[in-house]
Amino acid sequence: MPAEYYFKEGCFITELHNTPEDPSVSVARARVEPGHTTHWHGLDGIDERYVIIEGCGRVEIGDHPPQEVQAGDAVLIPAGCRQRITNTGASDLLFLAVCTPRFVAAAYR
């Protein structure tokens, strides 16, 4: 598995699949520590899905009410929509971030 790194958004990322040879999708594992909230951010031109693997949290997407999430849940974040997630549990919150088309740093805002 590739090395995990800290991302300025406020979480730890492991890139599982993100390559120019497959521009239609990327998959990363994100880890948010207990009590932490990622920074508000959006992805220009990229739809993102969070697929919760472990833990529980609260996701905020655009102007929608906060939504509680737990292992097995999936949420869709439309391109350009502001988003953040809070780990509300006592252990790490792990989720897959699936982006279409693939995540590129230039799209992050």
PDB file of N, CA and C in Angstrom:
ATOM      1  N   MET A   1       0.857  -1.185   0.000  1.00  0.00           N
ATOM      2  CA  MET A   1       0.000   0.000   0.000  1.00  0.00           C
ATOM      3  C   MET A   1       0.894   1.236   0.000  1.00  0.00           C
ATOM      4  N   PRO A   2       0.506   2.259  -0.756  1.00  0.00           N
ATOM      5  CA  PRO A   2       1.291   3.501  -0.769  1.00  0.00           C
ATOM      6  C   PRO A   2       1.339   4.140   0.623  1.00  0.00           C
ATOM      7  N   ALA A   3       2.297   5.016   0.828  1.00  0.00           N
ATOM      8  CA  ALA A   3       2.467   5.680   2.119  1.00  0.00           C
ATOM      9  C   ALA A   3       1.357   6.699   2.371  1.00  0.00           C
ATOM     10  N   GLU A   4       0.924   6.772   3.614  1.00  0.00           N
ATOM     11  CA  GLU A   4      -0.052   7.767   4.041  1.00  0.00           C
ATOM     12  C   GLU A   4       0.666   9.107   4.218  1.00  0.00           C
ATOM     13  N   TYR A   5      -0.019  10.201   3.880  1.00  0.00           N
ATOM     14  CA  TYR A   5       0.546  11.527   4.098  1.00  0.00           C
ATOM     15  C   TYR A   5      -0.530  12.456   4.646  1.00  0.00           C
ATOM     16  N   TYR A   6      -0.085  13.508   5.347  1.00  0.00           N
ATOM     17  CA  TYR A   6      -1.006  14.502   5.881  1.00  0.00           C
ATOM     18  C   TYR A   6      -1.340  15.489   4.781  1.00  0.00           C
ATOM     19  N   PHE A   7      -2.633  15.764   4.609  1.00  0.00           N
ATOM     20  CA  PHE A   7      -3.079  16.715   3.592  1.00  0.00           C
ATOM     21  C   PHE A   7      -3.586  17.977   4.288  1.00  0.00           C
ATOM     22  N   LYS A   8      -3.343  19.133   3.694  1.00  0.00           N
ATOM     23  CA  LYS A   8      -3.687  20.433   4.277  1.00  0.00           C
ATOM     24  C   LYS A   8      -5.160  20.573   4.652  1.00  0.00           C
ATOM     25  N   GLU A   9      -5.986  19.718   4.120  1.00  0.00           N
ATOM     26  CA  GLU A   9      -7.422  19.722   4.435  1.00  0.00           C
ATOM     27  C   GLU A   9      -7.678  19.380   5.899  1.00  0.00           C
ATOM     28  N   GLY A  10      -6.715  18.679   6.532  1.00  0.00           N
ATOM     29  CA  GLY A  10      -6.868  18.310   7.933  1.00  0.00           C
ATOM     30  C   GLY A  10      -7.105  16.827   8.144  1.00  0.00           C
ATOM     31  N   CYS A  11      -6.626  16.012   7.217  1.00  0.00           N
ATOM     32  CA  CYS A  11      -6.779  14.561   7.341  1.00  0.00           C
ATOM     33  C   CYS A  11      -5.563  13.877   6.724  1.00  0.00           C
ATOM     34  N   PHE A  12      -5.505  12.580   6.886  1.00  0.00           N
ATOM     35  CA  PHE A  12      -4.416  11.782   6.339  1.00  0.00           C
ATOM     36  C   PHE A  12      -4.932  11.029   5.118  1.00  0.00           C
ATOM     37  N   ILE A  13      -4.130  10.990   4.056  1.00  0.00           N
ATOM     38  CA  ILE A  13      -4.550  10.412   2.781  1.00  0.00           C
ATOM     39  C   ILE A  13      -3.594   9.306   2.359  1.00  0.00           C
ATOM     40  N   THR A  14      -4.163   8.224   1.847  1.00  0.00           N
ATOM     41  CA  THR A  14      -3.409   7.178   1.168  1.00  0.00           C
ATOM     42  C   THR A  14      -3.996   7.057  -0.226  1.00  0.00           C
ATOM     43  N   GLU A  15      -3.208   7.391  -1.239  1.00  0.00           N
ATOM     44  CA  GLU A  15      -3.665   7.306  -2.631  1.00  0.00           C
ATOM     45  C   GLU A  15      -3.681   5.828  -3.048  1.00  0.00           C
ATOM     46  N   LEU A  16      -4.852   5.292  -3.316  1.00  0.00           N
ATOM     47  CA  LEU A  16      -4.972   3.894  -3.731  1.00  0.00           C
ATOM     48  C   LEU A  16      -4.958   3.761  -5.249  1.00  0.00           C
ATOM     49  N   HIS A  17      -5.559   4.732  -5.928  1.00  0.00           N
ATOM     50  CA  HIS A  17      -5.594   4.710  -7.396  1.00  0.00           C
ATOM     51  C   HIS A  17      -5.804   6.123  -7.902  1.00  0.00           C
ATOM     52  N   ASN A  18      -4.772   6.695  -8.510  1.00  0.00           N
ATOM     53  CA  ASN A  18      -4.882   8.034  -9.085  1.00  0.00           C
ATOM     54  C   ASN A  18      -3.765   8.162 -10.115  1.00  0.00           C
ATOM     55  N   THR A  19      -4.127   7.981 -11.376  1.00  0.00           N
ATOM     56  CA  THR A  19      -3.122   7.979 -12.427  1.00  0.00           C
ATOM     57  C   THR A  19      -3.658   8.635 -13.698  1.00  0.00           C
ATOM     58  N   PRO A  20      -2.819   9.367 -14.411  1.00  0.00           N
ATOM     59  CA  PRO A  20      -3.259   9.974 -15.672  1.00  0.00           C
ATOM     60  C   PRO A  20      -3.701   8.934 -16.704  1.00  0.00           C
ATOM     61  N   GLU A  21      -3.241   7.697 -16.559  1.00  0.00           N
ATOM     62  CA  GLU A  21      -3.644   6.641 -17.495  1.00  0.00           C
ATOM     63  C   GLU A  21      -5.097   6.208 -17.301  1.00  0.00           C
ATOM     64  N   ASP A  22      -5.697   6.591 -16.181  1.00  0.00           N
ATOM     65  CA  ASP A  22      -7.104   6.297 -15.909  1.00  0.00           C
ATOM     66  C   ASP A  22      -7.756   7.579 -15.393  1.00  0.00           C
ATOM     67  N   PRO A  23      -7.979   8.562 -16.279  1.00  0.00           N
ATOM     68  CA  PRO A  23      -8.431   9.883 -15.844  1.00  0.00           C
ATOM     69  C   PRO A  23      -9.878   9.948 -15.354  1.00  0.00           C
ATOM     70  N   SER A  24     -10.629   8.875 -15.521  1.00  0.00           N
ATOM     71  CA  SER A  24     -12.054   8.939 -15.183  1.00  0.00           C
ATOM     72  C   SER A  24     -12.342   8.761 -13.692  1.00  0.00           C
ATOM     73  N   VAL A  25     -11.373   8.256 -12.903  1.00  0.00           N
ATOM     74  CA  VAL A  25     -11.658   7.994 -11.487  1.00  0.00           C
ATOM     75  C   VAL A  25     -10.376   7.971 -10.667  1.00  0.00           C
ATOM     76  N   SER A  26     -10.494   8.349  -9.409  1.00  0.00           N
ATOM     77  CA  SER A  26      -9.421   8.136  -8.436  1.00  0.00           C
ATOM     78  C   SER A  26     -10.053   7.645  -7.141  1.00  0.00           C
ATOM     79  N   VAL A  27      -9.253   6.894  -6.378  1.00  0.00           N
ATOM     80  CA  VAL A  27      -9.710   6.361  -5.098  1.00  0.00           C
ATOM     81  C   VAL A  27      -8.607   6.593  -4.071  1.00  0.00           C
ATOM     82  N   ALA A  28      -8.964   7.226  -2.968  1.00  0.00           N
ATOM     83  CA  ALA A  28      -8.023   7.447  -1.868  1.00  0.00           C
ATOM     84  C   ALA A  28      -8.691   7.026  -0.571  1.00  0.00           C
ATOM     85  N   ARG A  29      -7.860   6.561   0.376  1.00  0.00           N
ATOM     86  CA  ARG A  29      -8.370   6.304   1.726  1.00  0.00           C
ATOM     87  C   ARG A  29      -8.052   7.522   2.567  1.00  0.00           C
ATOM     88  N   ALA A  30      -9.068   8.065   3.233  1.00  0.00           N
ATOM     89  CA  ALA A  30      -8.891   9.223   4.102  1.00  0.00           C
ATOM     90  C   ALA A  30      -9.057   8.777   5.550  1.00  0.00           C
ATOM     91  N   ARG A  31      -8.263   9.391   6.425  1.00  0.00           N
ATOM     92  CA  ARG A  31      -8.342   9.092   7.861  1.00  0.00           C
ATOM     93  C   ARG A  31      -8.428  10.404   8.628  1.00  0.00           C
ATOM     94  N   VAL A  32      -9.487  10.524   9.438  1.00  0.00           N
ATOM     95  CA  VAL A  32      -9.690  11.704  10.277  1.00  0.00           C
ATOM     96  C   VAL A  32      -9.628  11.242  11.727  1.00  0.00           C
ATOM     97  N   GLU A  33      -8.784  11.897  12.503  1.00  0.00           N
ATOM     98  CA  GLU A  33      -8.611  11.520  13.897  1.00  0.00           C
ATOM     99  C   GLU A  33      -9.818  11.938  14.738  1.00  0.00           C
ATOM    100  N   PRO A  34     -10.047  11.256  15.877  1.00  0.00           N
ATOM    101  CA  PRO A  34     -11.187  11.579  16.747  1.00  0.00           C
ATOM    102  C   PRO A  34     -11.212  13.064  17.126  1.00  0.00           C
ATOM    103  N   GLY A  35     -12.391  13.651  17.036  1.00  0.00           N
ATOM    104  CA  GLY A  35     -12.580  15.044  17.419  1.00  0.00           C
ATOM    105  C   GLY A  35     -12.148  16.069  16.383  1.00  0.00           C
ATOM    106  N   HIS A  36     -11.584  15.622  15.269  1.00  0.00           N
ATOM    107  CA  HIS A  36     -11.105  16.550  14.242  1.00  0.00           C
ATOM    108  C   HIS A  36     -12.154  16.762  13.150  1.00  0.00           C
ATOM    109  N   THR A  37     -12.103  17.941  12.549  1.00  0.00           N
ATOM    110  CA  THR A  37     -12.963  18.310  11.432  1.00  0.00           C
ATOM    111  C   THR A  37     -12.073  18.786  10.292  1.00  0.00           C
ATOM    112  N   THR A  38     -12.339  18.313   9.086  1.00  0.00           N
ATOM    113  CA  THR A  38     -11.580  18.800   7.937  1.00  0.00           C
ATOM    114  C   THR A  38     -12.003  20.234   7.631  1.00  0.00           C
ATOM    115  N   HIS A  39     -11.154  20.945   6.910  1.00  0.00           N
ATOM    116  CA  HIS A  39     -11.454  22.324   6.522  1.00  0.00           C
ATOM    117  C   HIS A  39     -12.523  22.324   5.422  1.00  0.00           C
ATOM    118  N   TRP A  40     -13.333  23.386   5.411  1.00  0.00           N
ATOM    119  CA  TRP A  40     -14.257  23.555   4.294  1.00  0.00           C
ATOM    120  C   TRP A  40     -13.440  23.571   3.011  1.00  0.00           C
ATOM    121  N   HIS A  41     -13.900  22.844   2.011  1.00  0.00           N
ATOM    122  CA  HIS A  41     -13.205  22.803   0.725  1.00  0.00           C
ATOM    123  C   HIS A  41     -14.180  22.344  -0.342  1.00  0.00           C
ATOM    124  N   GLY A  42     -13.769  22.448  -1.587  1.00  0.00           N
ATOM    125  CA  GLY A  42     -14.556  21.978  -2.722  1.00  0.00           C
ATOM    126  C   GLY A  42     -13.623  21.534  -3.825  1.00  0.00           C
ATOM    127  N   LEU A  43     -14.163  20.812  -4.778  1.00  0.00           N
ATOM    128  CA  LEU A  43     -13.392  20.335  -5.922  1.00  0.00           C
ATOM    129  C   LEU A  43     -14.060  20.818  -7.203  1.00  0.00           C
ATOM    130  N   ASP A  44     -13.393  21.700  -7.902  1.00  0.00           N
ATOM    131  CA  ASP A  44     -13.940  22.234  -9.156  1.00  0.00           C
ATOM    132  C   ASP A  44     -13.963  21.153 -10.227  1.00  0.00           C
ATOM    133  N   GLY A  45     -15.138  20.888 -10.782  1.00  0.00           N
ATOM    134  CA  GLY A  45     -15.270  19.953 -11.889  1.00  0.00           C
ATOM    135  C   GLY A  45     -15.137  18.487 -11.529  1.00  0.00           C
ATOM    136  N   ILE A  46     -15.138  18.173 -10.232  1.00  0.00           N
ATOM    137  CA  ILE A  46     -14.968  16.787  -9.785  1.00  0.00           C
ATOM    138  C   ILE A  46     -16.072  16.428  -8.800  1.00  0.00           C
ATOM    139  N   ASP A  47     -16.823  15.373  -9.104  1.00  0.00           N
ATOM    140  CA  ASP A  47     -17.785  14.813  -8.147  1.00  0.00           C
ATOM    141  C   ASP A  47     -17.012  13.889  -7.207  1.00  0.00           C
ATOM    142  N   GLU A  48     -17.382  13.902  -5.930  1.00  0.00           N
ATOM    143  CA  GLU A  48     -16.706  13.053  -4.950  1.00  0.00           C
ATOM    144  C   GLU A  48     -17.726  12.259  -4.165  1.00  0.00           C
ATOM    145  N   ARG A  49     -17.361  11.043  -3.817  1.00  0.00           N
ATOM    146  CA  ARG A  49     -18.190  10.209  -2.959  1.00  0.00           C
ATOM    147  C   ARG A  49     -17.359   9.791  -1.765  1.00  0.00           C
ATOM    148  N   TYR A  50     -17.949   9.839  -0.578  1.00  0.00           N
ATOM    149  CA  TYR A  50     -17.323   9.288   0.616  1.00  0.00           C
ATOM    150  C   TYR A  50     -18.001   7.946   0.878  1.00  0.00           C
ATOM    151  N   VAL A  51     -17.215   6.902   0.986  1.00  0.00           N
ATOM    152  CA  VAL A  51     -17.718   5.581   1.362  1.00  0.00           C
ATOM    153  C   VAL A  51     -17.092   5.277   2.717  1.00  0.00           C
ATOM    154  N   ILE A  52     -17.909   5.293   3.764  1.00  0.00           N
ATOM    155  CA  ILE A  52     -17.403   5.149   5.129  1.00  0.00           C
ATOM    156  C   ILE A  52     -17.035   3.688   5.382  1.00  0.00           C
ATOM    157  N   ILE A  53     -15.788   3.474   5.834  1.00  0.00           N
ATOM    158  CA  ILE A  53     -15.278   2.130   6.100  1.00  0.00           C
ATOM    159  C   ILE A  53     -15.332   1.796   7.585  1.00  0.00           C
ATOM    160  N   GLU A  54     -14.866   2.723   8.419  1.00  0.00           N
ATOM    161  CA  GLU A  54     -14.814   2.523   9.871  1.00  0.00           C
ATOM    162  C   GLU A  54     -15.113   3.827  10.583  1.00  0.00           C
ATOM    163  N   GLY A  55     -15.726   3.703  11.753  1.00  0.00           N
ATOM    164  CA  GLY A  55     -15.969   4.864  12.595  1.00  0.00           C
ATOM    165  C   GLY A  55     -17.289   5.540  12.293  1.00  0.00           C
ATOM    166  N   CYS A  56     -17.437   6.726  12.858  1.00  0.00           N
ATOM    167  CA  CYS A  56     -18.663   7.501  12.661  1.00  0.00           C
ATOM    168  C   CYS A  56     -18.299   8.977  12.595  1.00  0.00           C
ATOM    169  N   GLY A  57     -19.178   9.723  11.972  1.00  0.00           N
ATOM    170  CA  GLY A  57     -18.894  11.139  11.806  1.00  0.00           C
ATOM    171  C   GLY A  57     -20.118  11.920  11.399  1.00  0.00           C
ATOM    172  N   ARG A  58     -19.864  13.180  11.082  1.00  0.00           N
ATOM    173  CA  ARG A  58     -20.917  14.085  10.622  1.00  0.00           C
ATOM    174  C   ARG A  58     -20.374  14.792   9.382  1.00  0.00           C
ATOM    175  N   VAL A  59     -21.068  14.633   8.273  1.00  0.00           N
ATOM    176  CA  VAL A  59     -20.639  15.263   7.022  1.00  0.00           C
ATOM    177  C   VAL A  59     -21.537  16.466   6.746  1.00  0.00           C
ATOM    178  N   GLU A  60     -20.916  17.532   6.243  1.00  0.00           N
ATOM    179  CA  GLU A  60     -21.643  18.747   5.864  1.00  0.00           C
ATOM    180  C   GLU A  60     -21.339  19.021   4.402  1.00  0.00           C
ATOM    181  N   ILE A  61     -22.409  19.151   3.611  1.00  0.00           N
ATOM    182  CA  ILE A  61     -22.288  19.338   2.169  1.00  0.00           C
ATOM    183  C   ILE A  61     -23.134  20.539   1.771  1.00  0.00           C
ATOM    184  N   GLY A  62     -22.480  21.574   1.267  1.00  0.00           N
ATOM    185  CA  GLY A  62     -23.201  22.763   0.832  1.00  0.00           C
ATOM    186  C   GLY A  62     -24.050  23.342   1.944  1.00  0.00           C
ATOM    187  N   ASP A  63     -25.300  23.673   1.625  1.00  0.00           N
ATOM    188  CA  ASP A  63     -26.222  24.245   2.603  1.00  0.00           C
ATOM    189  C   ASP A  63     -27.163  23.204   3.191  1.00  0.00           C
ATOM    190  N   HIS A  64     -26.907  21.918   2.911  1.00  0.00           N
ATOM    191  CA  HIS A  64     -27.750  20.852   3.459  1.00  0.00           C
ATOM    192  C   HIS A  64     -27.490  20.688   4.952  1.00  0.00           C
ATOM    193  N   PRO A  65     -28.477  20.206   5.709  1.00  0.00           N
ATOM    194  CA  PRO A  65     -28.252  19.949   7.136  1.00  0.00           C
ATOM    195  C   PRO A  65     -27.148  18.900   7.314  1.00  0.00           C
ATOM    196  N   PRO A  66     -26.386  18.989   8.399  1.00  0.00           N
ATOM    197  CA  PRO A  66     -25.371  17.970   8.670  1.00  0.00           C
ATOM    198  C   PRO A  66     -25.998  16.577   8.697  1.00  0.00           C
ATOM    199  N   GLN A  67     -25.237  15.587   8.239  1.00  0.00           N
ATOM    200  CA  GLN A  67     -25.717  14.210   8.147  1.00  0.00           C
ATOM    201  C   GLN A  67     -24.773  13.307   8.931  1.00  0.00           C
ATOM    202  N   GLU A  68     -25.335  12.510   9.824  1.00  0.00           N
ATOM    203  CA  GLU A  68     -24.537  11.536  10.571  1.00  0.00           C
ATOM    204  C   GLU A  68     -24.219  10.366   9.651  1.00  0.00           C
ATOM    205  N   VAL A  69     -22.977   9.877   9.707  1.00  0.00           N
ATOM    206  CA  VAL A  69     -22.551   8.760   8.873  1.00  0.00           C
ATOM    207  C   VAL A  69     -21.816   7.740   9.723  1.00  0.00           C
ATOM    208  N   GLN A  70     -21.849   6.502   9.251  1.00  0.00           N
ATOM    209  CA  GLN A  70     -21.148   5.403   9.928  1.00  0.00           C
ATOM    210  C   GLN A  70     -20.734   4.377   8.879  1.00  0.00           C
ATOM    211  N   ALA A  71     -19.992   3.374   9.307  1.00  0.00           N
ATOM    212  CA  ALA A  71     -19.501   2.346   8.393  1.00  0.00           C
ATOM    213  C   ALA A  71     -20.640   1.805   7.534  1.00  0.00           C
ATOM    214  N   GLY A  72     -20.397   1.733   6.226  1.00  0.00           N
ATOM    215  CA  GLY A  72     -21.389   1.250   5.271  1.00  0.00           C
ATOM    216  C   GLY A  72     -22.149   2.350   4.558  1.00  0.00           C
ATOM    217  N   ASP A  73     -22.075   3.578   5.059  1.00  0.00           N
ATOM    218  CA  ASP A  73     -22.773   4.693   4.417  1.00  0.00           C
ATOM    219  C   ASP A  73     -21.945   5.258   3.271  1.00  0.00           C
ATOM    220  N   ALA A  74     -22.642   5.874   2.319  1.00  0.00           N
ATOM    221  CA  ALA A  74     -21.995   6.578   1.211  1.00  0.00           C
ATOM    222  C   ALA A  74     -22.717   7.898   1.001  1.00  0.00           C
ATOM    223  N   VAL A  75     -21.943   8.933   0.693  1.00  0.00           N
ATOM    224  CA  VAL A  75     -22.528  10.249   0.413  1.00  0.00           C
ATOM    225  C   VAL A  75     -21.924  10.797  -0.873  1.00  0.00           C
ATOM    226  N   LEU A  76     -22.707  11.564  -1.595  1.00  0.00           N
ATOM    227  CA  LEU A  76     -22.271  12.183  -2.844  1.00  0.00           C
ATOM    228  C   LEU A  76     -22.059  13.671  -2.621  1.00  0.00           C
ATOM    229  N   ILE A  77     -20.908  14.174  -3.059  1.00  0.00           N
ATOM    230  CA  ILE A  77     -20.609  15.593  -3.007  1.00  0.00           C
ATOM    231  C   ILE A  77     -20.475  16.077  -4.456  1.00  0.00           C
ATOM    232  N   PRO A  78     -21.439  16.853  -4.947  1.00  0.00           N
ATOM    233  CA  PRO A  78     -21.373  17.334  -6.331  1.00  0.00           C
ATOM    234  C   PRO A  78     -20.175  18.254  -6.554  1.00  0.00           C
ATOM    235  N   ALA A  79     -19.702  18.291  -7.778  1.00  0.00           N
ATOM    236  CA  ALA A  79     -18.571  19.144  -8.158  1.00  0.00           C
ATOM    237  C   ALA A  79     -18.820  20.582  -7.707  1.00  0.00           C
ATOM    238  N   GLY A  80     -17.793  21.194  -7.127  1.00  0.00           N
ATOM    239  CA  GLY A  80     -17.850  22.584  -6.719  1.00  0.00           C
ATOM    240  C   GLY A  80     -18.548  22.850  -5.401  1.00  0.00           C
ATOM    241  N   CYS A  81     -19.167  21.847  -4.816  1.00  0.00           N
ATOM    242  CA  CYS A  81     -19.932  22.022  -3.582  1.00  0.00           C
ATOM    243  C   CYS A  81     -18.990  22.003  -2.370  1.00  0.00           C
ATOM    244  N   ARG A  82     -19.160  22.950  -1.455  1.00  0.00           N
ATOM    245  CA  ARG A  82     -18.309  22.962  -0.269  1.00  0.00           C
ATOM    246  C   ARG A  82     -18.657  21.782   0.622  1.00  0.00           C
ATOM    247  N   GLN A  83     -17.644  21.302   1.341  1.00  0.00           N
ATOM    248  CA  GLN A  83     -17.809  20.096   2.139  1.00  0.00           C
ATOM    249  C   GLN A  83     -16.809  20.059   3.278  1.00  0.00           C
ATOM    250  N   ARG A  84     -17.177  19.328   4.320  1.00  0.00           N
ATOM    251  CA  ARG A  84     -16.253  18.991   5.402  1.00  0.00           C
ATOM    252  C   ARG A  84     -16.845  17.818   6.163  1.00  0.00           C
ATOM    253  N   ILE A  85     -15.981  17.131   6.937  1.00  0.00           N
ATOM    254  CA  ILE A  85     -16.443  15.992   7.722  1.00  0.00           C
ATOM    255  C   ILE A  85     -15.779  16.038   9.087  1.00  0.00           C
ATOM    256  N   THR A  86     -16.539  15.669  10.117  1.00  0.00           N
ATOM    257  CA  THR A  86     -16.077  15.637  11.501  1.00  0.00           C
ATOM    258  C   THR A  86     -16.097  14.208  11.999  1.00  0.00           C
ATOM    259  N   ASN A  87     -15.034  13.802  12.666  1.00  0.00           N
ATOM    260  CA  ASN A  87     -15.019  12.503  13.327  1.00  0.00           C
ATOM    261  C   ASN A  87     -15.675  12.691  14.692  1.00  0.00           C
ATOM    262  N   THR A  88     -16.843  12.107  14.891  1.00  0.00           N
ATOM    263  CA  THR A  88     -17.580  12.240  16.150  1.00  0.00           C
ATOM    264  C   THR A  88     -17.368  11.048  17.073  1.00  0.00           C
ATOM    265  N   GLY A  89     -16.552  10.094  16.646  1.00  0.00           N
ATOM    266  CA  GLY A  89     -16.336   8.882  17.429  1.00  0.00           C
ATOM    267  C   GLY A  89     -15.061   8.933  18.257  1.00  0.00           C
ATOM    268  N   ALA A  90     -14.770   7.803  18.904  1.00  0.00           N
ATOM    269  CA  ALA A  90     -13.598   7.672  19.778  1.00  0.00           C
ATOM    270  C   ALA A  90     -12.402   7.051  19.067  1.00  0.00           C
ATOM    271  N   SER A  91     -12.595   6.586  17.830  1.00  0.00           N
ATOM    272  CA  SER A  91     -11.497   5.992  17.061  1.00  0.00           C
ATOM    273  C   SER A  91     -11.434   6.683  15.693  1.00  0.00           C
ATOM    274  N   ASP A  92     -10.404   6.376  14.931  1.00  0.00           N
ATOM    275  CA  ASP A  92     -10.246   7.002  13.616  1.00  0.00           C
ATOM    276  C   ASP A  92     -11.468   6.774  12.727  1.00  0.00           C
ATOM    277  N   LEU A  93     -11.812   7.796  11.960  1.00  0.00           N
ATOM    278  CA  LEU A  93     -12.837   7.708  10.927  1.00  0.00           C
ATOM    279  C   LEU A  93     -12.113   7.427   9.617  1.00  0.00           C
ATOM    280  N   LEU A  94     -12.427   6.302   8.983  1.00  0.00           N
ATOM    281  CA  LEU A  94     -11.806   5.911   7.723  1.00  0.00           C
ATOM    282  C   LEU A  94     -12.863   5.874   6.634  1.00  0.00           C
ATOM    283  N   PHE A  95     -12.530   6.476   5.489  1.00  0.00           N
ATOM    284  CA  PHE A  95     -13.464   6.406   4.361  1.00  0.00           C
ATOM    285  C   PHE A  95     -12.697   6.462   3.057  1.00  0.00           C
ATOM    286  N   LEU A  96     -13.330   5.939   2.028  1.00  0.00           N
ATOM    287  CA  LEU A  96     -12.790   6.058   0.682  1.00  0.00           C
ATOM    288  C   LEU A  96     -13.334   7.340   0.074  1.00  0.00           C
ATOM    289  N   ALA A  97     -12.455   8.078  -0.583  1.00  0.00           N
ATOM    290  CA  ALA A  97     -12.846   9.256  -1.348  1.00  0.00           C
ATOM    291  C   ALA A  97     -12.710   8.869  -2.820  1.00  0.00           C
ATOM    292  N   VAL A  98     -13.853   8.717  -3.472  1.00  0.00           N
ATOM    293  CA  VAL A  98     -13.890   8.287  -4.869  1.00  0.00           C
ATOM    294  C   VAL A  98     -14.257   9.503  -5.710  1.00  0.00           C
ATOM    295  N   CYS A  99     -13.340   9.918  -6.589  1.00  0.00           N
ATOM    296  CA  CYS A  99     -13.529  11.129  -7.381  1.00  0.00           C
ATOM    297  C   CYS A  99     -13.699  10.795  -8.859  1.00  0.00           C
ATOM    298  N   THR A 100     -14.672  11.477  -9.496  1.00  0.00           N
ATOM    299  CA  THR A 100     -14.862  11.351 -10.939  1.00  0.00           C
ATOM    300  C   THR A 100     -15.047  12.747 -11.529  1.00  0.00           C
ATOM    301  N   PRO A 101     -14.239  13.140 -12.506  1.00  0.00           N
ATOM    302  CA  PRO A 101     -13.018  12.453 -12.912  1.00  0.00           C
ATOM    303  C   PRO A 101     -12.017  12.448 -11.759  1.00  0.00           C
ATOM    304  N   ARG A 102     -10.820  11.925 -12.003  1.00  0.00           N
ATOM    305  CA  ARG A 102      -9.841  11.730 -10.930  1.00  0.00           C
ATOM    306  C   ARG A 102      -9.460  13.044 -10.262  1.00  0.00           C
ATOM    307  N   PHE A 103      -9.055  12.946  -8.992  1.00  0.00           N
ATOM    308  CA  PHE A 103      -8.608  14.103  -8.223  1.00  0.00           C
ATOM    309  C   PHE A 103      -7.305  14.645  -8.798  1.00  0.00           C
ATOM    310  N   VAL A 104      -7.268  15.953  -8.983  1.00  0.00           N
ATOM    311  CA  VAL A 104      -6.034  16.677  -9.320  1.00  0.00           C
ATOM    312  C   VAL A 104      -5.958  17.876  -8.389  1.00  0.00           C
ATOM    313  N   ALA A 105      -4.763  18.167  -7.909  1.00  0.00           N
ATOM    314  CA  ALA A 105      -4.581  19.227  -6.915  1.00  0.00           C
ATOM    315  C   ALA A 105      -5.079  20.581  -7.414  1.00  0.00           C
ATOM    316  N   ALA A 106      -4.996  20.834  -8.703  1.00  0.00           N
ATOM    317  CA  ALA A 106      -5.429  22.119  -9.252  1.00  0.00           C
ATOM    318  C   ALA A 106      -6.924  22.368  -9.055  1.00  0.00           C
ATOM    319  N   ALA A 107      -7.708  21.325  -8.845  1.00  0.00           N
ATOM    320  CA  ALA A 107      -9.161  21.451  -8.665  1.00  0.00           C
ATOM    321  C   ALA A 107      -9.543  21.762  -7.219  1.00  0.00           C
ATOM    322  N   TYR A 108      -8.607  21.588  -6.293  1.00  0.00           N
ATOM    323  CA  TYR A 108      -8.893  21.772  -4.868  1.00  0.00           C
ATOM    324  C   TYR A 108      -8.984  23.274  -4.556  1.00  0.00           C
ATOM    325  N   ARG A 109     -10.040  23.629  -3.845  1.00  0.00           N
ATOM    326  CA  ARG A 109     -10.162  25.021  -3.379  1.00  0.00           C
ATOM    327  C   ARG A 109     -10.777  25.044  -2.000  1.00  0.00           C
TER     328      ARG A 109
END
